[in-house]
Protein backbone atom coordinates (compact mmCIF):
# COMPACT_ATOMS: atom_id res chain seq x y z
CA MET A 1 0.00 -0.01 -0.03
CA VAL A 2 1.10 3.54 -0.75
CA ASN A 3 0.71 6.30 1.87
CA MET A 4 0.45 9.97 0.86
CA ARG A 5 1.99 11.77 3.80
CA VAL A 6 3.75 14.82 4.99
CA LEU A 7 7.08 14.45 6.87
CA SER A 8 8.62 17.71 7.94
CA PHE A 9 11.18 19.23 10.19
CA SER A 10 12.25 22.81 11.26
CA LEU A 11 15.58 24.37 11.32
CA LEU A 12 16.83 27.60 12.90
CA PRO A 13 17.41 30.48 10.46
CA VAL A 14 20.69 29.82 8.59
CA ALA A 15 22.82 32.21 6.52
CA ILE A 16 22.77 31.25 2.84
CA MET A 17 24.58 33.38 0.30
CA GLY A 18 24.41 36.31 2.59
CA GLN A 19 20.63 35.94 3.36
CA ASN A 20 18.65 34.30 6.08
CA LEU A 21 16.06 31.52 5.41
CA ASP A 22 13.48 31.20 8.17
CA TYR A 23 12.08 27.70 8.21
CA LEU A 24 8.43 27.35 9.04
CA PRO A 25 7.22 25.37 11.93
CA ASN A 26 6.15 21.79 11.58
CA PRO A 27 2.72 21.58 9.87
CA GLU A 28 -0.34 20.15 11.65
CA PRO A 29 -1.79 17.01 9.84
CA ILE A 30 -5.27 17.57 8.55
CA PHE A 31 -6.04 13.83 8.13
CA ALA A 32 -4.41 10.49 8.47
CA PRO A 33 -2.20 8.96 5.76
CA ILE A 34 -4.24 8.14 2.68
CA LYS A 35 -3.98 4.48 1.32
CA MET A 36 -3.58 4.79 -2.42
CA GLY A 37 -3.51 1.12 -3.31
CA THR A 38 -0.59 -0.59 -5.15
CA GLY A 39 2.24 1.24 -6.96
CA THR A 40 4.60 3.98 -5.92
CA MET A 41 5.18 7.59 -6.65
CA GLN A 42 8.48 8.07 -8.58
CA ARG A 43 10.20 10.86 -10.35
CA GLY A 44 7.93 12.50 -12.86
CA ASN A 45 4.71 11.47 -10.93
CA GLY A 46 3.00 14.16 -8.96
CA VAL A 47 0.26 15.44 -6.78
CA ASN A 48 -2.02 18.25 -8.12
CA VAL A 49 -5.07 19.97 -6.48
CA SER A 50 -7.81 21.00 -8.87
CA PRO A 51 -8.23 24.72 -9.55
CA ASP A 52 -11.56 24.59 -7.63
CA ASP A 53 -9.77 22.96 -4.65
CA THR A 54 -12.31 20.10 -4.62
CA VAL A 55 -10.01 17.13 -5.60
CA VAL A 56 -6.40 16.13 -5.14
CA TYR A 57 -5.11 13.97 -8.05
CA ALA A 58 -2.05 11.73 -7.60
CA THR A 59 -0.46 9.74 -10.42
CA LEU A 60 1.27 6.48 -9.65
CA ASN A 61 4.07 4.65 -11.45
CA ASN A 62 1.80 1.70 -12.23
CA GLY A 63 -0.54 3.78 -14.38
CA ASN A 64 -3.19 4.37 -11.69
CA LEU A 65 -4.77 7.74 -11.01
CA PHE A 66 -5.94 8.35 -7.47
CA ALA A 67 -8.34 11.15 -6.54
CA ALA A 68 -9.29 12.15 -2.99
CA ASN A 69 -10.96 15.01 -1.08
CA PRO A 70 -8.16 17.37 -0.15
CA ASN A 71 -9.87 18.37 3.20
CA THR A 72 -10.75 14.81 4.49
CA GLY A 73 -8.51 12.57 2.53
CA GLU A 74 -11.54 10.46 1.54
CA GLU A 75 -11.09 8.63 -1.80
CA ILE A 76 -13.35 9.91 -4.54
CA PHE A 77 -12.28 7.40 -7.25
CA THR A 78 -9.22 5.39 -8.50
CA TYR A 79 -8.74 4.97 -12.17
CA VAL A 80 -7.00 1.66 -12.98
CA PRO A 81 -5.96 1.30 -16.67
CA GLU A 82 -7.25 -1.73 -18.44
CA SER A 83 -4.45 -4.48 -18.56
CA LEU A 84 -3.19 -5.13 -22.04
CA GLN A 85 -1.77 -8.64 -22.84
CA GLY A 86 1.95 -8.64 -23.10
CA THR A 87 2.46 -5.18 -21.73
CA ALA A 88 3.25 -3.51 -18.35
CA SER A 89 1.54 -0.22 -17.68
CA THR A 90 3.44 2.64 -16.18
CA CYS A 91 3.10 6.44 -15.73
CA SER A 92 5.94 8.93 -15.24
CA SER A 93 4.04 12.28 -15.42
CA ARG A 94 1.48 14.39 -13.82
CA ILE A 95 -2.11 15.05 -14.97
CA ALA A 96 -3.09 17.93 -17.21
CA PHE A 97 -6.21 19.94 -16.21
CA HIS A 98 -8.72 22.08 -18.08
CA ASP A 99 -10.81 24.39 -15.92
CA GLY A 100 -13.72 25.56 -17.98
CA ASP A 101 -17.53 24.87 -18.34
CA ASP A 102 -16.77 21.22 -18.80
CA PRO A 103 -13.65 20.63 -16.64
CA PHE A 104 -11.59 17.52 -17.35
CA VAL A 105 -8.32 15.67 -16.45
CA LEU A 106 -5.94 14.13 -19.05
CA HIS A 107 -3.95 11.21 -17.70
CA THR A 108 -1.11 9.39 -19.45
CA VAL A 109 -0.43 5.67 -19.40
CA ILE A 110 2.61 4.03 -21.11
CA ASP A 111 2.28 0.38 -22.21
CA GLU A 112 5.68 -1.06 -22.33
CA SER A 113 6.39 -4.01 -24.59
CA THR A 114 8.44 -4.88 -27.67
CA SER A 115 6.56 -2.06 -29.35
CA THR A 116 5.79 0.70 -26.80
CA THR A 117 2.43 2.53 -27.13
CA SER A 118 0.76 5.09 -24.89
CA ARG A 119 -2.80 5.77 -23.82
CA LEU A 120 -4.11 9.26 -23.08
CA VAL A 121 -7.26 9.12 -21.02
CA ARG A 122 -9.81 11.94 -20.55
CA LEU A 123 -11.70 11.85 -17.36
CA SER A 124 -14.40 14.22 -16.18
CA HIS A 125 -13.82 16.39 -13.09
CA PRO A 126 -14.67 15.76 -10.27
CA ASP A 127 -16.36 12.22 -10.70
CA GLY A 128 -13.60 10.52 -12.82
CA VAL A 129 -15.90 9.26 -15.63
CA VAL A 130 -13.77 8.09 -18.58
CA LYS A 131 -14.88 10.15 -21.67
CA TRP A 132 -12.38 8.71 -24.23
CA THR A 133 -9.03 6.94 -24.54
CA ALA A 134 -6.55 7.68 -27.39
CA THR A 135 -3.80 5.22 -28.31
CA ILE A 136 -0.48 6.82 -29.44
CA ASP A 137 2.36 5.13 -31.13
CA GLY A 138 5.44 5.45 -28.97
CA THR A 139 6.03 6.95 -25.53
CA ILE A 140 4.37 10.16 -24.62
CA SER A 141 6.83 12.83 -23.29
CA GLY A 142 5.67 14.18 -20.01
CA ALA A 143 2.21 15.51 -19.67
CA PRO A 144 0.29 16.98 -22.66
CA GLU A 145 -0.78 20.61 -22.87
CA ILE A 146 -4.44 21.75 -23.42
CA SER A 147 -5.30 24.78 -25.53
CA GLY A 148 -6.57 27.79 -23.77
CA ASN A 149 -10.09 27.31 -25.10
CA GLY A 150 -10.14 23.59 -24.26
CA ASP A 151 -10.59 22.54 -27.83
CA TYR A 152 -7.17 20.89 -28.52
CA VAL A 153 -4.63 18.71 -26.89
CA PHE A 154 -0.99 19.08 -27.84
CA ILE A 155 1.28 15.88 -27.42
CA THR A 156 4.93 15.15 -28.08
CA ALA A 157 6.15 11.52 -28.11
CA VAL A 158 9.04 9.31 -29.09
CA ALA A 159 8.44 6.43 -31.35
CA LEU A 160 11.14 3.99 -32.63
CA ASP A 161 11.80 3.08 -36.22
CA GLY A 162 14.32 0.42 -35.25
CA PRO A 163 16.44 -0.25 -32.16
CA PHE A 164 18.51 2.97 -32.55
CA ALA A 165 16.22 5.19 -34.71
CA PRO A 166 14.08 7.47 -32.64
CA VAL A 167 11.15 9.39 -34.31
CA GLY A 168 9.88 12.65 -32.74
CA VAL A 169 6.15 12.77 -32.92
CA PHE A 170 3.98 16.00 -32.55
CA MET A 171 0.28 15.53 -32.38
CA ILE A 172 -2.81 17.60 -31.94
CA LEU A 173 -6.01 15.77 -30.77
CA ARG A 174 -9.52 17.07 -30.56
CA ALA A 175 -10.31 17.39 -26.94
CA ASP A 176 -13.99 16.60 -27.34
CA ASP A 177 -13.35 12.97 -28.67
CA GLY A 178 -9.65 12.28 -28.72
CA SER A 179 -9.48 11.97 -32.48
CA GLU A 180 -6.28 13.02 -34.28
CA PHE A 181 -6.44 16.48 -35.85
CA TYR A 182 -2.81 16.85 -37.01
CA ARG A 183 0.50 14.94 -36.81
CA GLU A 184 4.07 15.67 -37.79
CA ASP A 185 6.96 13.11 -37.47
CA VAL A 186 10.67 14.03 -37.53
CA ALA A 187 13.05 11.10 -37.97
CA GLY A 188 16.17 10.93 -35.65
CA LEU A 189 14.97 13.54 -33.10
CA PRO A 190 13.42 12.35 -29.77
CA PHE A 191 10.96 15.05 -28.71
CA GLY A 192 10.83 16.21 -25.06
CA PRO A 193 7.62 17.41 -23.26
CA PRO A 194 5.89 20.58 -24.46
CA GLY A 195 5.14 23.81 -22.69
CA LEU A 196 2.32 26.12 -23.62
CA TYR A 197 1.34 29.73 -23.14
CA ALA A 198 -2.30 30.68 -24.01
CA ASN A 199 -2.91 33.85 -25.99
CA PRO A 200 0.40 35.40 -25.90
CA THR A 201 1.06 39.09 -26.78
CA LEU A 202 2.69 37.76 -29.96
CA GLY A 203 4.75 34.83 -31.13
CA PHE A 204 8.10 35.86 -29.71
CA TYR A 205 10.23 34.21 -32.24
CA PRO A 206 11.35 35.04 -35.86
CA GLY A 207 8.21 34.94 -37.98
CA GLY A 208 5.69 34.98 -35.04
CA GLU A 209 5.22 38.74 -34.70
CA ALA A 210 1.56 38.96 -35.65
CA ASN A 211 0.37 35.78 -34.12
CA ARG A 212 -1.61 35.61 -30.80
CA ASN A 213 -2.63 31.90 -30.98
CA ASP A 214 -1.48 29.59 -28.19
CA LEU A 215 2.30 29.10 -28.19
CA VAL A 216 3.78 25.60 -27.86
CA MET A 217 7.56 25.07 -27.29
CA PHE A 218 9.57 21.87 -27.01
CA ALA A 219 13.05 20.52 -27.45
CA CYS A 220 14.95 17.33 -28.12
CA SER A 221 15.15 14.99 -25.16
CA PHE A 222 17.18 12.15 -23.77
CA ILE A 223 16.06 8.62 -24.51
CA THR A 224 17.31 5.47 -22.96
CA ASN A 225 19.53 3.16 -25.05
CA VAL A 226 19.17 5.33 -28.10
CA ALA A 227 21.66 7.67 -29.47
CA VAL A 228 20.75 11.32 -28.85
CA PRO A 229 21.77 14.05 -31.19
CA SER A 230 24.52 16.04 -29.55
CA ASN A 231 23.38 19.35 -31.01
CA GLY A 232 19.76 19.07 -29.87
CA CYS A 233 16.72 20.83 -31.32
CA LEU A 234 14.30 23.60 -30.57
CA TYR A 235 10.71 23.77 -31.90
CA VAL A 236 7.75 26.12 -31.85
CA PHE A 237 4.19 25.74 -32.95
CA GLN A 238 1.29 28.11 -33.28
CA PHE A 239 -1.95 27.85 -35.22
CA PRO A 240 -1.66 30.41 -38.08
CA VAL A 241 -3.24 33.73 -37.99
CA GLY A 242 -6.90 33.41 -38.85
CA PHE A 243 -7.12 29.76 -37.92
CA SER A 244 -10.76 28.52 -37.69
CA GLY A 245 -10.27 24.76 -37.11
CA ALA A 246 -11.96 23.86 -40.41
CA SER A 247 -8.73 22.35 -41.90
CA THR A 248 -5.01 21.76 -41.17
CA ASN A 249 -3.91 23.90 -44.11
CA GLY A 250 -0.85 25.99 -42.99
CA LEU A 251 -0.12 23.87 -39.87
CA GLN A 252 3.60 23.15 -39.50
CA LEU A 253 6.32 22.98 -36.82
CA GLN A 254 8.97 25.56 -36.97
CA ARG A 255 12.49 24.65 -36.01
CA LEU A 256 14.37 27.32 -34.25
CA GLY A 257 17.78 25.72 -34.49
CA SER A 258 20.13 23.33 -32.68
CA PRO A 259 21.00 24.79 -29.32
CA GLY A 260 23.61 22.27 -28.11
CA TRP A 261 21.60 20.89 -25.21
CA VAL A 262 18.70 18.41 -24.57
CA THR A 263 16.05 18.25 -21.91
CA ASN A 264 13.34 15.97 -20.52
CA ILE A 265 11.63 18.92 -18.69
CA LYS A 266 8.83 21.29 -19.86
CA PRO A 267 9.81 24.96 -20.31
CA THR A 268 8.33 27.68 -18.07
CA LEU A 269 6.61 30.40 -20.08
CA PHE A 270 5.51 33.72 -18.65
CA LEU A 271 5.37 37.51 -19.05
CA ASN A 272 2.59 37.23 -21.60
CA GLY A 273 4.34 34.61 -23.51
CA LEU A 274 7.39 36.79 -24.01
CA SER A 275 9.71 35.00 -21.58
CA MET A 276 10.90 31.39 -21.20
CA TYR A 277 13.16 29.62 -18.82
CA TRP A 278 14.25 26.07 -19.17
CA SER A 279 16.16 23.30 -17.22
CA VAL A 280 18.48 21.60 -19.61
CA SER A 281 21.26 19.07 -19.80
CA ARG A 282 24.58 19.19 -17.86
CA ALA A 283 22.74 20.90 -14.96
CA GLN A 284 22.20 24.23 -16.92
CA VAL A 285 19.35 26.63 -17.05
CA LYS A 286 18.64 28.78 -20.08
CA GLY A 287 16.59 32.03 -20.10
CA TRP A 288 14.92 34.18 -22.72
CA TYR A 289 13.57 37.37 -21.13
CA GLY A 290 11.31 39.62 -23.30
CA ASP A 291 11.28 42.91 -21.58
CA ASP A 292 11.75 44.59 -24.97
CA ILE A 293 9.66 43.11 -27.69
CA ASN A 294 11.50 45.09 -30.33
CA GLU A 295 14.88 43.68 -29.51
CA ILE A 296 15.33 40.80 -31.93
CA SER A 297 18.20 39.20 -29.97
CA PHE A 298 15.86 38.62 -27.05
CA ARG A 299 13.49 36.45 -28.97
CA PHE A 300 13.12 32.62 -28.65
CA GLN A 301 15.90 31.19 -30.71
CA ARG A 302 18.94 28.78 -30.49
CA VAL A 303 21.06 31.07 -28.30
CA ALA A 304 19.38 32.04 -24.99
CA ARG A 305 19.77 35.57 -23.52
CA TYR A 306 20.83 34.17 -20.05
CA SER A 307 22.54 30.89 -18.93
CA ALA A 308 23.55 29.43 -15.69
CA GLN A 309 25.64 26.40 -14.59
CA PHE A 310 25.16 24.43 -11.39
CA LEU A 311 26.71 21.50 -9.81
CA ARG A 312 26.26 18.50 -11.87
CA GLY A 313 24.25 15.43 -10.83
CA ASN A 314 24.55 11.75 -11.67
CA PRO A 315 24.75 11.10 -14.54
CA THR A 316 26.62 14.29 -15.25
CA ALA A 317 24.56 15.00 -18.46
CA SER A 318 21.35 15.15 -16.46
CA THR A 319 19.18 18.23 -16.13
CA PRO A 320 18.21 20.01 -12.91
CA ASN A 321 15.50 18.15 -11.10
CA SER A 322 12.65 20.66 -11.54
CA ARG A 323 11.27 23.31 -13.86
CA PRO A 324 12.06 26.93 -13.02
CA VAL A 325 9.18 28.22 -10.82
CA LEU A 326 8.41 31.83 -10.46
CA ASN A 327 6.90 33.85 -7.72
CA ALA A 328 3.76 35.82 -8.18
CA ASN A 329 5.63 39.00 -9.27
CA GLU A 330 7.52 36.92 -11.86
CA ASP A 331 10.77 38.40 -10.67
CA THR A 332 12.37 35.56 -8.72
CA ILE A 333 13.01 32.04 -9.93
CA PHE A 334 13.18 28.94 -7.76
CA LEU A 335 14.85 25.74 -8.98
CA ALA A 336 15.92 22.29 -7.66
CA GLY A 337 19.42 21.62 -8.97
CA ALA A 338 20.72 18.38 -10.53
CA ALA A 339 22.67 17.86 -7.28
CA ALA A 340 21.00 18.12 -3.85
CA GLU A 341 20.42 21.79 -3.81
CA MET A 342 17.71 24.34 -3.97
CA HIS A 343 18.41 27.68 -5.84
CA SER A 344 16.81 31.07 -5.79
CA LEU A 345 17.68 33.10 -8.87
CA ASN A 346 17.25 36.56 -10.26
CA ILE A 347 15.74 37.08 -13.71
CA ASP A 348 19.29 37.32 -15.21
CA LEU A 349 20.00 33.87 -13.55
CA THR A 350 22.38 35.27 -11.04
CA THR A 351 22.11 33.63 -7.74
CA ARG A 352 20.12 35.16 -4.77
CA TRP A 353 20.72 32.09 -2.52
CA THR A 354 21.43 28.32 -2.60
CA THR A 355 20.75 25.84 0.14
CA PRO A 356 21.92 22.19 0.20
CA SER A 357 19.38 19.39 0.81
CA VAL A 358 20.03 16.04 2.45
CA ALA A 359 18.73 14.10 -0.49
CA PRO A 360 17.86 15.04 -4.19
CA ILE A 361 14.80 17.35 -4.53
CA VAL A 362 12.37 15.38 -6.65
CA VAL A 363 9.51 17.63 -7.53
CA ASP A 364 8.93 21.29 -8.56
CA PRO A 365 9.13 23.65 -5.72
CA VAL A 366 5.81 25.40 -4.68
CA VAL A 367 5.50 29.14 -3.93
CA THR A 368 2.49 30.41 -1.95
CA PRO A 369 0.30 32.95 -3.81
CA ASP A 370 1.42 35.78 -1.62
CA GLY A 371 5.13 34.94 -2.24
CA GLN A 372 5.95 34.80 1.46
CA ALA A 373 6.77 31.04 1.66
CA MET A 374 7.82 28.14 -0.43
CA PHE A 375 7.91 24.43 -0.15
CA TRP A 376 10.02 21.60 -1.62
CA ALA A 377 10.32 17.91 -1.12
CA GLU A 378 13.22 15.57 -1.03
CA ASP A 379 13.63 11.87 -1.72
CA PHE A 380 12.51 9.77 1.26
CA GLY A 381 9.40 12.12 1.82
CA ARG A 382 11.05 15.00 3.61
CA VAL A 383 9.28 18.31 2.96
CA HIS A 384 10.78 21.71 3.63
CA GLY A 385 8.92 25.06 4.21
CA ALA A 386 10.76 28.35 4.23
């Protein structure tokens, strides 16, 4: 059985890079540990509270999705994927959530066999009724992204055209029924998970100046036992100006170059879609900050405006362990390093403070809405609040 629990400890204020961190007192438990059935939570899995605060969703590594009342811990439902003969079901991502008139959750299941496929499942919120299941060739990269209007689902995946021949797959599904709307394959390039900014000020890349449609960004990723291109890749997608959904005419990925790094982490997009920060290979962070939309060199392209290097993890090529997370004012970045460290950074990626952790930090840090406190969790269940 798996318990969802909070283990915490307090420290006296300590000087870190010239600043003091005041650790919060131990939290008071709201309810007893929740029994979530079989399976475990591993790196990539996560716990999300719905925007309306009525359901807490937890993904497990065996493909299950557990839903509970966040105030009482009472189970609402558990989704268990249908067992497919000759496969082992797994999950290594969080849910995607759309909060609209018809709110829903997207959950990813990977079916590992000699020919790996993935299932993307739409469940209604908050009752967990399955609306549709779409089968995707290859392994879906991370969690999908949902368009701002809730009509489309953006997916990246890695298929194999032979033992050492990855194929990057970019797909758009219709959110109402899971049917394929558009697909583009690129041989030799394993695609990492996508990030999305809905209704940006403009497409902040060469050629996107007049486009305010949802912006999707992704890059080349690592892939186990398959050669990874050393020069990487960087892609952007927007529906064309005037897109009505009637056809796929004019739809096409745009490659922004070969940046020299790869990543298995989503980018963080903010500032009206004009800025992007990314945790990438060899324990680096890259930043594109669009405080001047007329400055061409600031735009999303192969060379980032800002770059920072941190202590490397194991293996040495690995990325930092979290996405860059911003405070409410979007002027401070928090990041879990590839080594056992938590970093606070300025927008230009200079260091505000760094604090070591006992074990690797395995999930994105969380900043409270008022920006006065943050929380992060290590391996073995230890949670920090500062």
